[in-house]
Amino acid sequence: MTPTPSLLRLCALMLCTASGVVSATDLVVSAAASLTDGFRAVGVAYEKAHPSSHVVFNFAASDVLLRQIEQGAPVDVFASADEAAMDKAVAVQVVDVASRRDFATNALVLIVPHDGKTTITVPADLAAPGVKRVAYGDPASVPVGRYTKAALESEKLWGAVSAKGVLAQNVRQSLDYVARGEVDAGFVFATDAVVAKDTVRVVATVPTPTPIRYPIALVKDTKQPADAMAFRDFVLSPAGRSILARYGFGSP
């Protein structure tokens, strides 16, 4: 069933906060799922530097967040896990193009269950008959899925691996599939693998044809552009980048 505009707005409002309530004065930041831990830490630091501000995060696949913004969800800042999602946001004119900046980089990795008995060491091993299920984000809507597809296509492995594919709605779901041992292997960002280092093991860093960069921009319909710009600037600042670096993100 296709979500209705009202349902999408409701999903955007039901954000993960301690109080469970989003007020009109909250700064709402919709950010890629892979930014969950890093941005939460950035949010804490930002609020300390701006005591009058309260940041509310909405984490999901970048394309899902974009659809919410298109449908009128009350969002002030959009941070995507790839340039493609932000390019779409520019094309449909929902972000302030002049505010767009790249703020972080990442890497694509192949992971397996930490305690699993596997001989997988490189992507080519996924074509073996013994490998039955491989998790990765849906390329149609998830940046890590697009990076995965492009990387495997460049190695002429996409056909073999996609036949075993278990599509995830976002990168954290792909991570969970591997952590729970529900698949033989999966593709996630390096920063996600670090978060689950006790349950997954990185077996290979996978080159991607396009560098993995994260752009951020103000949403055109923000009712608090000054605060939105202040958050964007904090993310781009040495303090913000230092926090993201602790979570494994590189500088653009």
Protein backbone atom coordinates (compact mmCIF):
# COMPACT_ATOMS: atom_id res chain seq x y z
CA MET A 1 0.00 0.00 0.00
CA THR A 2 1.34 3.44 -0.94
CA PRO A 3 1.65 5.75 2.10
CA THR A 4 -0.69 8.75 2.01
CA PRO A 5 0.63 12.29 2.51
CA SER A 6 -1.03 12.45 5.93
CA LEU A 7 0.60 9.18 6.97
CA LEU A 8 4.01 10.41 5.89
CA ARG A 9 3.56 13.60 7.89
CA LEU A 10 2.54 11.58 10.91
CA CYS A 11 5.63 9.38 10.60
CA ALA A 12 7.81 12.47 10.46
CA LEU A 13 6.20 13.86 13.61
CA MET A 14 6.58 10.63 15.56
CA LEU A 15 10.29 11.14 16.08
CA CYS A 16 12.50 9.41 18.61
CA THR A 17 12.82 11.85 21.52
CA ALA A 18 12.90 11.35 25.22
CA SER A 19 9.59 13.16 25.69
CA GLY A 20 7.98 11.77 22.55
CA VAL A 21 6.68 15.28 21.78
CA VAL A 22 7.81 17.66 19.05
CA SER A 23 7.02 21.32 19.62
CA ALA A 24 6.93 24.15 17.11
CA THR A 25 10.19 25.51 18.49
CA ASP A 26 12.14 22.28 18.06
CA LEU A 27 14.76 22.14 15.34
CA VAL A 28 13.89 19.04 13.32
CA VAL A 29 16.80 17.35 11.55
CA SER A 30 16.07 14.50 9.14
CA ALA A 31 19.27 12.50 8.74
CA ALA A 32 20.40 9.27 7.10
CA ALA A 33 20.18 6.18 9.31
CA SER A 34 23.96 5.73 9.26
CA LEU A 35 24.30 9.09 11.03
CA THR A 36 22.27 7.97 14.04
CA ASP A 37 25.02 7.69 16.64
CA GLY A 38 27.24 10.45 15.32
CA PHE A 39 24.45 13.00 14.95
CA ARG A 40 23.01 12.23 18.37
CA ALA A 41 26.39 13.13 19.83
CA VAL A 42 26.54 16.23 17.64
CA GLY A 43 23.07 17.19 18.88
CA VAL A 44 24.13 17.00 22.52
CA ALA A 45 27.16 19.20 21.86
CA TYR A 46 25.12 21.65 19.79
CA GLU A 47 22.53 22.07 22.52
CA LYS A 48 25.26 22.76 25.06
CA ALA A 49 26.60 25.49 22.80
CA HIS A 50 23.06 26.76 22.08
CA PRO A 51 21.10 26.34 25.35
CA SER A 52 17.91 27.80 23.89
CA SER A 53 17.78 25.17 21.12
CA HIS A 54 16.31 21.68 21.18
CA VAL A 55 17.23 19.36 18.33
CA VAL A 56 14.87 16.55 17.31
CA PHE A 57 16.22 13.88 14.97
CA ASN A 58 14.38 11.77 12.43
CA PHE A 59 16.60 8.92 11.19
CA ALA A 60 15.70 6.78 8.16
CA ALA A 61 16.85 5.96 4.64
CA SER A 62 17.69 9.18 2.80
CA ASP A 63 15.08 8.67 0.06
CA VAL A 64 12.37 8.02 2.65
CA LEU A 65 13.27 11.25 4.44
CA LEU A 66 13.12 13.12 1.15
CA ARG A 67 9.64 11.78 0.43
CA GLN A 68 8.50 12.96 3.86
CA ILE A 69 9.87 16.45 3.16
CA GLU A 70 8.19 16.50 -0.26
CA GLN A 71 4.88 15.63 1.39
CA GLY A 72 5.16 18.57 3.78
CA ALA A 73 6.72 17.07 6.89
CA PRO A 74 7.95 19.86 9.23
CA VAL A 75 11.70 19.48 8.74
CA ASP A 76 14.37 22.16 9.07
CA VAL A 77 17.59 20.38 8.01
CA PHE A 78 18.19 17.43 5.68
CA ALA A 79 21.38 15.33 5.81
CA SER A 80 21.73 12.59 3.20
CA ALA A 81 24.05 9.58 2.92
CA ASP A 82 24.71 10.23 -0.75
CA GLU A 83 24.74 12.98 -3.34
CA ALA A 84 21.95 11.30 -5.33
CA ALA A 85 19.31 11.84 -2.66
CA MET A 86 20.36 15.46 -2.19
CA ASP A 87 20.39 15.96 -5.96
CA LYS A 88 16.77 14.78 -5.98
CA ALA A 89 15.96 17.23 -3.19
CA VAL A 90 17.44 20.01 -5.31
CA ALA A 91 15.53 18.86 -8.38
CA VAL A 92 12.17 18.96 -6.59
CA GLN A 93 13.13 22.29 -5.00
CA VAL A 94 12.66 21.37 -1.33
CA VAL A 95 16.11 22.45 -0.08
CA ASP A 96 18.04 25.70 -0.15
CA VAL A 97 20.71 24.99 -2.78
CA ALA A 98 23.00 27.73 -1.48
CA SER A 99 23.14 26.03 1.93
CA ARG A 100 24.23 22.64 0.58
CA ARG A 101 27.61 21.40 1.80
CA ASP A 102 29.41 18.05 2.02
CA PHE A 103 30.31 17.37 5.63
CA ALA A 104 31.51 13.76 5.95
CA THR A 105 32.76 10.69 4.11
CA ASN A 106 32.42 6.97 4.71
CA ALA A 107 33.39 3.59 3.26
CA LEU A 108 31.47 0.51 2.14
CA VAL A 109 32.31 -2.74 3.94
CA LEU A 110 31.35 -6.39 3.67
CA ILE A 111 30.42 -7.91 7.03
CA VAL A 112 29.58 -11.37 8.39
CA PRO A 113 28.18 -12.51 11.75
CA HIS A 114 30.92 -12.22 14.36
CA ASP A 115 30.62 -15.80 15.55
CA GLY A 116 29.61 -17.25 12.21
CA LYS A 117 31.68 -19.94 10.53
CA THR A 118 32.33 -18.53 7.10
CA THR A 119 34.96 -18.59 4.42
CA ILE A 120 33.83 -15.23 3.02
CA THR A 121 36.77 -12.85 2.75
CA VAL A 122 36.05 -10.86 -0.43
CA PRO A 123 32.89 -9.98 -2.39
CA ALA A 124 33.66 -12.65 -5.01
CA ASP A 125 33.11 -15.30 -2.33
CA LEU A 126 29.43 -14.34 -2.20
CA ALA A 127 28.90 -16.11 -5.52
CA ALA A 128 29.73 -19.49 -3.94
CA PRO A 129 26.85 -21.99 -3.71
CA GLY A 130 27.20 -22.17 0.06
CA VAL A 131 26.26 -18.52 0.46
CA LYS A 132 22.47 -18.29 0.44
CA ARG A 133 21.48 -14.83 1.74
CA VAL A 134 23.20 -11.44 1.46
CA ALA A 135 21.74 -8.28 3.00
CA TYR A 136 22.05 -4.80 1.54
CA GLY A 137 19.94 -1.67 1.29
CA ASP A 138 17.34 -1.49 -1.46
CA PRO A 139 19.14 0.35 -4.31
CA ALA A 140 15.85 1.98 -5.27
CA SER A 141 15.63 3.94 -2.03
CA VAL A 142 18.70 3.44 0.16
CA PRO A 143 22.11 5.06 -0.51
CA VAL A 144 24.14 2.12 0.81
CA GLY A 145 22.20 -0.07 -1.63
CA ARG A 146 23.13 2.20 -4.52
CA TYR A 147 26.78 2.13 -3.50
CA THR A 148 26.63 -1.67 -3.13
CA LYS A 149 25.04 -2.20 -6.53
CA ALA A 150 27.56 0.07 -8.27
CA ALA A 151 30.50 -1.62 -6.54
CA LEU A 152 29.30 -5.12 -7.43
CA GLU A 153 28.48 -4.13 -10.99
CA SER A 154 32.03 -2.86 -11.42
CA GLU A 155 33.28 -6.30 -10.33
CA LYS A 156 30.69 -8.10 -12.49
CA LEU A 157 29.18 -9.67 -9.34
CA TRP A 158 25.82 -7.94 -9.18
CA GLY A 159 23.87 -10.68 -10.95
CA ALA A 160 25.19 -13.44 -8.70
CA VAL A 161 24.79 -11.48 -5.46
CA SER A 162 21.43 -9.86 -6.19
CA ALA A 163 19.97 -13.32 -6.78
CA LYS A 164 20.65 -13.95 -3.07
CA GLY A 165 19.72 -10.47 -1.96
CA VAL A 166 17.77 -9.66 1.19
CA LEU A 167 16.71 -6.04 0.76
CA ALA A 168 16.84 -3.75 3.78
CA GLN A 169 14.83 -0.56 4.28
CA ASN A 170 17.92 1.23 5.59
CA VAL A 171 21.54 0.47 6.42
CA ARG A 172 20.82 -0.29 10.08
CA GLN A 173 18.34 -2.98 9.09
CA SER A 174 21.02 -4.60 6.92
CA LEU A 175 23.35 -4.45 9.92
CA ASP A 176 20.73 -6.09 12.13
CA TYR A 177 20.17 -8.94 9.67
CA VAL A 178 23.86 -9.80 9.84
CA ALA A 179 24.17 -9.26 13.60
CA ARG A 180 21.30 -11.67 14.23
CA GLY A 181 22.78 -14.27 11.88
CA GLU A 182 19.75 -14.18 9.59
CA VAL A 183 21.98 -13.82 6.52
CA ASP A 184 25.42 -15.07 5.57
CA ALA A 185 26.83 -11.61 4.91
CA GLY A 186 25.84 -8.02 4.27
CA PHE A 187 26.95 -4.62 3.06
CA VAL A 188 26.94 -1.60 5.36
CA PHE A 189 28.92 1.56 5.91
CA ALA A 190 32.13 1.25 7.90
CA THR A 191 30.68 3.45 10.65
CA ASP A 192 27.74 1.08 11.11
CA ALA A 193 30.04 -1.92 11.47
CA VAL A 194 31.91 -0.12 14.27
CA VAL A 195 28.66 0.31 16.20
CA ALA A 196 28.06 -3.45 16.13
CA LYS A 197 31.66 -4.63 16.45
CA ASP A 198 30.67 -7.24 19.06
CA THR A 199 28.15 -8.91 16.75
CA VAL A 200 29.54 -8.44 13.23
CA ARG A 201 32.97 -8.74 11.67
CA VAL A 202 34.31 -6.73 8.74
CA VAL A 203 35.92 -9.02 6.17
CA ALA A 204 36.56 -6.50 3.39
CA THR A 205 36.47 -2.82 2.55
CA VAL A 206 34.76 -2.56 -0.83
CA PRO A 207 35.88 0.10 -3.34
CA THR A 208 33.01 2.18 -4.73
CA PRO A 209 33.05 3.84 -8.17
CA THR A 210 31.73 7.02 -6.54
CA PRO A 211 33.20 8.34 -3.26
CA ILE A 212 30.79 8.08 -0.32
CA ARG A 213 30.02 11.65 0.70
CA TYR A 214 27.33 13.09 2.96
CA PRO A 215 25.70 16.43 2.03
CA ILE A 216 23.62 18.63 4.33
CA ALA A 217 21.23 21.47 3.46
CA LEU A 218 18.47 23.61 4.90
CA VAL A 219 14.91 22.70 3.95
CA LYS A 220 13.28 25.57 2.06
CA ASP A 221 10.15 25.57 4.20
CA THR A 222 11.97 25.80 7.54
CA LYS A 223 10.29 28.24 9.89
CA GLN A 224 13.56 28.86 11.75
CA PRO A 225 16.26 29.41 9.11
CA ALA A 226 18.70 31.05 11.52
CA ASP A 227 18.68 28.07 13.90
CA ALA A 228 18.81 25.64 10.99
CA MET A 229 21.84 27.40 9.57
CA ALA A 230 23.48 27.45 13.00
CA PHE A 231 23.09 23.67 13.24
CA ARG A 232 24.48 23.18 9.73
CA ASP A 233 27.45 25.39 10.57
CA PHE A 234 28.09 23.44 13.78
CA VAL A 235 28.16 20.17 11.82
CA LEU A 236 30.71 21.74 9.45
CA SER A 237 32.79 23.24 12.26
CA PRO A 238 35.96 21.67 13.70
CA ALA A 239 33.94 20.72 16.80
CA GLY A 240 31.25 18.98 14.78
CA ARG A 241 33.70 17.18 12.54
CA SER A 242 35.73 16.08 15.55
CA ILE A 243 32.64 14.43 17.02
CA LEU A 244 31.81 12.70 13.74
CA ALA A 245 35.42 11.53 13.46
CA ARG A 246 35.02 9.71 16.79
CA TYR A 247 32.28 7.69 15.13
CA GLY A 248 34.42 6.81 12.13
CA PHE A 249 33.38 9.47 9.63
CA GLY A 250 36.02 11.14 7.48
CA SER A 251 36.21 14.73 6.30
CA PRO A 252 35.03 15.58 2.78
